Amino acid sequence: MGASSGPRRLSGMQKQALALYRGFLRAARSKPAEERRQIESVVSSEFRKNSKQVDRKNFIYIEYLLCRGNKQLDQLKSPDTVGLSSLSVDSSSQTTGSSS
């Protein structure tokens, strides 16, 4: 068999990101079908984009994305919220030591 002794363990941030993703999908279930599909599409594309573009060692930026995602999830859980939009963040601000 292979050299690995089992499934790879996830870091704390990876667990937080997966919990956030699942939270968005659960919250989307409470919305009407058309909005649910739109929400699932935006969430999926945002997570996929960030998984490819964000350096895994840039912990500060990842923490920022998790915090922003949790705030968006709280808004989505509100009964008054019917949709979710994508927000672009300037990727040049991801570098450590840059100032605004």
N, C-alpha and C. Protein backbone atom coordinates (compact mmCIF):
# COMPACT_ATOMS: atom_id res chain seq x y z
N MET A 1 0.82 -1.19 0.00
CA MET A 1 0.00 0.00 0.00
C MET A 1 0.86 1.25 0.00
N GLY A 2 0.21 2.42 0.06
CA GLY A 2 0.93 3.69 0.04
C GLY A 2 1.63 3.98 1.34
N ALA A 3 2.46 5.00 1.34
CA ALA A 3 3.24 5.37 2.51
C ALA A 3 2.39 6.07 3.57
N SER A 4 1.26 6.62 3.20
CA SER A 4 0.46 7.35 4.18
C SER A 4 -0.30 6.37 5.06
N SER A 5 -0.46 6.75 6.33
CA SER A 5 -1.12 5.86 7.28
C SER A 5 -2.60 6.18 7.44
N GLY A 6 -3.11 7.12 6.66
CA GLY A 6 -4.52 7.48 6.75
C GLY A 6 -4.75 8.82 6.10
N PRO A 7 -5.97 9.35 6.27
CA PRO A 7 -6.27 10.65 5.66
C PRO A 7 -5.44 11.76 6.31
N ARG A 8 -5.12 12.74 5.52
CA ARG A 8 -4.33 13.88 5.98
C ARG A 8 -5.16 14.71 6.94
N ARG A 9 -4.55 15.17 8.02
CA ARG A 9 -5.26 15.99 9.00
C ARG A 9 -5.34 17.42 8.50
N LEU A 10 -6.44 18.07 8.78
CA LEU A 10 -6.64 19.45 8.36
C LEU A 10 -6.17 20.40 9.44
N SER A 11 -5.63 21.54 9.01
CA SER A 11 -5.22 22.56 9.96
C SER A 11 -6.46 23.25 10.51
N GLY A 12 -6.28 24.08 11.53
CA GLY A 12 -7.39 24.82 12.11
C GLY A 12 -8.06 25.74 11.11
N MET A 13 -7.24 26.43 10.29
CA MET A 13 -7.80 27.35 9.29
C MET A 13 -8.56 26.60 8.21
N GLN A 14 -8.05 25.43 7.83
CA GLN A 14 -8.76 24.63 6.83
C GLN A 14 -10.12 24.17 7.37
N LYS A 15 -10.14 23.79 8.65
CA LYS A 15 -11.41 23.39 9.26
C LYS A 15 -12.38 24.58 9.31
N GLN A 16 -11.85 25.77 9.63
CA GLN A 16 -12.70 26.96 9.67
C GLN A 16 -13.27 27.27 8.29
N ALA A 17 -12.44 27.14 7.25
CA ALA A 17 -12.89 27.43 5.89
C ALA A 17 -13.97 26.42 5.45
N LEU A 18 -13.77 25.16 5.77
CA LEU A 18 -14.78 24.15 5.42
C LEU A 18 -16.07 24.37 6.18
N ALA A 19 -15.97 24.74 7.47
CA ALA A 19 -17.17 25.02 8.26
C ALA A 19 -17.91 26.23 7.69
N LEU A 20 -17.17 27.24 7.26
CA LEU A 20 -17.78 28.42 6.67
C LEU A 20 -18.50 28.06 5.37
N TYR A 21 -17.84 27.26 4.52
CA TYR A 21 -18.44 26.82 3.26
C TYR A 21 -19.75 26.05 3.52
N ARG A 22 -19.70 25.11 4.46
CA ARG A 22 -20.91 24.35 4.80
C ARG A 22 -22.00 25.26 5.36
N GLY A 23 -21.58 26.26 6.15
CA GLY A 23 -22.54 27.21 6.70
C GLY A 23 -23.26 27.98 5.62
N PHE A 24 -22.52 28.40 4.59
CA PHE A 24 -23.14 29.10 3.46
C PHE A 24 -24.14 28.20 2.75
N LEU A 25 -23.76 26.95 2.53
CA LEU A 25 -24.67 26.03 1.83
C LEU A 25 -25.93 25.76 2.65
N ARG A 26 -25.77 25.65 3.98
CA ARG A 26 -26.93 25.45 4.84
C ARG A 26 -27.85 26.67 4.82
N ALA A 27 -27.23 27.86 4.90
CA ALA A 27 -28.02 29.09 4.88
C ALA A 27 -28.74 29.25 3.55
N ALA A 28 -28.12 28.81 2.47
CA ALA A 28 -28.74 28.93 1.15
C ALA A 28 -30.00 28.08 1.06
N ARG A 29 -30.07 26.98 1.81
CA ARG A 29 -31.24 26.10 1.78
C ARG A 29 -32.51 26.79 2.25
N SER A 30 -32.34 27.84 3.08
CA SER A 30 -33.52 28.52 3.61
C SER A 30 -34.07 29.59 2.66
N LYS A 31 -33.41 29.77 1.52
CA LYS A 31 -33.82 30.80 0.55
C LYS A 31 -34.62 30.15 -0.58
N PRO A 32 -35.37 30.96 -1.33
CA PRO A 32 -36.10 30.43 -2.50
C PRO A 32 -35.14 29.78 -3.51
N ALA A 33 -35.66 28.87 -4.31
CA ALA A 33 -34.84 28.05 -5.21
C ALA A 33 -33.93 28.87 -6.12
N GLU A 34 -34.47 29.93 -6.73
CA GLU A 34 -33.67 30.72 -7.66
C GLU A 34 -32.51 31.41 -6.93
N GLU A 35 -32.80 32.01 -5.78
CA GLU A 35 -31.74 32.65 -5.00
C GLU A 35 -30.75 31.63 -4.46
N ARG A 36 -31.25 30.45 -4.09
CA ARG A 36 -30.38 29.40 -3.57
C ARG A 36 -29.32 29.01 -4.60
N ARG A 37 -29.75 28.82 -5.85
CA ARG A 37 -28.79 28.46 -6.91
C ARG A 37 -27.77 29.56 -7.12
N GLN A 38 -28.21 30.82 -7.09
CA GLN A 38 -27.31 31.96 -7.27
C GLN A 38 -26.31 32.02 -6.11
N ILE A 39 -26.78 31.83 -4.89
CA ILE A 39 -25.92 31.86 -3.71
C ILE A 39 -24.90 30.74 -3.77
N GLU A 40 -25.35 29.54 -4.09
CA GLU A 40 -24.43 28.40 -4.19
C GLU A 40 -23.37 28.62 -5.26
N SER A 41 -23.75 29.23 -6.36
CA SER A 41 -22.81 29.52 -7.43
C SER A 41 -21.75 30.54 -7.00
N VAL A 42 -22.20 31.63 -6.35
CA VAL A 42 -21.26 32.66 -5.89
C VAL A 42 -20.32 32.09 -4.84
N VAL A 43 -20.87 31.35 -3.88
CA VAL A 43 -20.05 30.78 -2.80
C VAL A 43 -19.01 29.83 -3.38
N SER A 44 -19.45 28.95 -4.25
CA SER A 44 -18.54 27.98 -4.86
C SER A 44 -17.41 28.66 -5.63
N SER A 45 -17.76 29.65 -6.45
CA SER A 45 -16.74 30.32 -7.25
C SER A 45 -15.78 31.13 -6.39
N GLU A 46 -16.30 31.78 -5.33
CA GLU A 46 -15.43 32.56 -4.43
C GLU A 46 -14.44 31.66 -3.70
N PHE A 47 -14.93 30.55 -3.16
CA PHE A 47 -14.04 29.64 -2.44
C PHE A 47 -13.00 29.03 -3.39
N ARG A 48 -13.44 28.64 -4.59
CA ARG A 48 -12.52 28.04 -5.55
C ARG A 48 -11.46 29.05 -5.99
N LYS A 49 -11.89 30.29 -6.25
CA LYS A 49 -10.97 31.35 -6.66
C LYS A 49 -9.94 31.61 -5.56
N ASN A 50 -10.40 31.75 -4.34
CA ASN A 50 -9.48 32.03 -3.24
C ASN A 50 -8.54 30.87 -2.96
N SER A 51 -9.00 29.64 -3.16
CA SER A 51 -8.13 28.49 -2.92
C SER A 51 -6.97 28.45 -3.92
N LYS A 52 -7.19 29.02 -5.10
CA LYS A 52 -6.14 29.02 -6.12
C LYS A 52 -5.26 30.28 -6.06
N GLN A 53 -5.82 31.41 -5.65
CA GLN A 53 -5.10 32.68 -5.73
C GLN A 53 -4.39 33.07 -4.44
N VAL A 54 -4.87 32.62 -3.30
CA VAL A 54 -4.32 33.07 -2.03
C VAL A 54 -3.19 32.13 -1.60
N ASP A 55 -2.06 32.72 -1.24
CA ASP A 55 -0.92 31.95 -0.75
C ASP A 55 -1.30 31.30 0.58
N ARG A 56 -1.08 30.00 0.69
CA ARG A 56 -1.47 29.27 1.90
C ARG A 56 -0.71 29.70 3.15
N LYS A 57 0.39 30.38 2.97
CA LYS A 57 1.17 30.86 4.11
C LYS A 57 0.81 32.28 4.51
N ASN A 58 -0.10 32.92 3.79
CA ASN A 58 -0.51 34.28 4.10
C ASN A 58 -1.66 34.23 5.11
N PHE A 59 -1.29 33.90 6.36
CA PHE A 59 -2.29 33.65 7.40
C PHE A 59 -3.14 34.87 7.72
N ILE A 60 -2.53 36.03 7.68
CA ILE A 60 -3.27 37.25 8.01
C ILE A 60 -4.40 37.48 7.00
N TYR A 61 -4.09 37.32 5.72
CA TYR A 61 -5.11 37.52 4.69
C TYR A 61 -6.19 36.42 4.77
N ILE A 62 -5.77 35.19 5.07
CA ILE A 62 -6.75 34.10 5.20
C ILE A 62 -7.67 34.38 6.38
N GLU A 63 -7.11 34.85 7.49
CA GLU A 63 -7.94 35.21 8.65
C GLU A 63 -8.92 36.32 8.28
N TYR A 64 -8.45 37.29 7.49
CA TYR A 64 -9.33 38.37 7.03
C TYR A 64 -10.48 37.81 6.20
N LEU A 65 -10.17 36.90 5.27
CA LEU A 65 -11.22 36.31 4.43
C LEU A 65 -12.21 35.51 5.27
N LEU A 66 -11.72 34.77 6.26
CA LEU A 66 -12.61 34.01 7.14
C LEU A 66 -13.53 34.95 7.93
N CYS A 67 -12.96 36.04 8.44
CA CYS A 67 -13.75 37.01 9.20
C CYS A 67 -14.81 37.65 8.30
N ARG A 68 -14.40 38.07 7.10
CA ARG A 68 -15.34 38.67 6.16
C ARG A 68 -16.43 37.67 5.77
N GLY A 69 -16.04 36.43 5.55
CA GLY A 69 -17.00 35.39 5.19
C GLY A 69 -18.00 35.14 6.30
N ASN A 70 -17.53 35.13 7.55
CA ASN A 70 -18.45 34.94 8.67
C ASN A 70 -19.45 36.08 8.79
N LYS A 71 -19.00 37.30 8.51
CA LYS A 71 -19.91 38.44 8.54
C LYS A 71 -20.95 38.32 7.42
N GLN A 72 -20.51 37.91 6.24
CA GLN A 72 -21.44 37.73 5.13
C GLN A 72 -22.43 36.60 5.44
N LEU A 73 -21.95 35.55 6.09
CA LEU A 73 -22.83 34.44 6.44
C LEU A 73 -23.89 34.90 7.44
N ASP A 74 -23.49 35.71 8.42
CA ASP A 74 -24.47 36.24 9.37
C ASP A 74 -25.54 37.06 8.66
N GLN A 75 -25.12 37.85 7.68
CA GLN A 75 -26.08 38.65 6.91
C GLN A 75 -27.00 37.74 6.10
N LEU A 76 -26.44 36.70 5.51
CA LEU A 76 -27.23 35.78 4.68
C LEU A 76 -28.27 35.03 5.51
N LYS A 77 -27.95 34.76 6.76
CA LYS A 77 -28.88 34.04 7.63
C LYS A 77 -30.10 34.88 7.98
N SER A 78 -30.01 36.19 7.79
CA SER A 78 -31.14 37.06 8.09
C SER A 78 -32.29 36.76 7.14
N PRO A 79 -33.51 36.70 7.66
CA PRO A 79 -34.66 36.42 6.78
C PRO A 79 -34.89 37.51 5.73
N ASP A 80 -34.39 38.71 6.00
CA ASP A 80 -34.57 39.82 5.05
C ASP A 80 -33.63 39.73 3.85
N THR A 81 -32.56 38.95 3.98
CA THR A 81 -31.58 38.83 2.90
C THR A 81 -32.02 37.75 1.93
N VAL A 82 -32.05 38.12 0.63
CA VAL A 82 -32.48 37.14 -0.38
C VAL A 82 -31.36 36.72 -1.31
N GLY A 83 -30.23 37.39 -1.30
CA GLY A 83 -29.17 37.03 -2.22
C GLY A 83 -27.80 37.36 -1.68
N LEU A 84 -26.80 37.06 -2.46
CA LEU A 84 -25.41 37.28 -2.09
C LEU A 84 -24.69 37.76 -3.33
N SER A 85 -23.85 38.76 -3.17
CA SER A 85 -23.07 39.23 -4.31
C SER A 85 -21.60 39.01 -4.05
N SER A 86 -20.85 38.98 -5.10
CA SER A 86 -19.40 38.78 -5.01
C SER A 86 -18.72 40.13 -4.80
N LEU A 87 -17.72 40.15 -3.95
CA LEU A 87 -16.99 41.37 -3.66
C LEU A 87 -15.55 41.17 -4.09
N SER A 88 -15.03 42.07 -4.91
CA SER A 88 -13.65 41.98 -5.35
C SER A 88 -12.76 42.71 -4.36
N VAL A 89 -11.68 42.06 -3.98
CA VAL A 89 -10.68 42.67 -3.12
C VAL A 89 -9.40 42.75 -3.91
N ASP A 90 -8.74 43.90 -3.86
CA ASP A 90 -7.50 44.10 -4.59
C ASP A 90 -6.47 43.09 -4.11
N SER A 91 -6.07 42.16 -4.97
CA SER A 91 -5.13 41.11 -4.57
C SER A 91 -3.74 41.65 -4.30
N SER A 92 -3.42 42.85 -4.73
CA SER A 92 -2.09 43.41 -4.44
C SER A 92 -1.96 43.75 -2.96
N SER A 93 -3.07 43.86 -2.25
CA SER A 93 -3.02 44.15 -0.82
C SER A 93 -2.73 42.90 0.00
N GLN A 94 -2.60 41.75 -0.65
CA GLN A 94 -2.34 40.52 0.06
C GLN A 94 -0.90 40.42 0.55
N THR A 95 0.01 41.13 -0.07
CA THR A 95 1.40 41.01 0.30
C THR A 95 1.62 41.56 1.69
N THR A 96 2.47 40.87 2.45
CA THR A 96 2.73 41.32 3.81
C THR A 96 3.62 42.56 3.76
N GLY A 97 3.36 43.47 4.66
CA GLY A 97 4.16 44.68 4.73
C GLY A 97 3.68 45.80 3.85
N SER A 98 2.62 45.59 3.06
CA SER A 98 2.12 46.68 2.22
C SER A 98 1.22 47.57 3.05
N SER A 99 1.21 48.83 2.74
CA SER A 99 0.36 49.76 3.48
C SER A 99 -0.60 50.44 2.54
N SER A 100 -1.72 50.85 3.09
CA SER A 100 -2.75 51.49 2.27
C SER A 100 -2.65 52.96 2.33
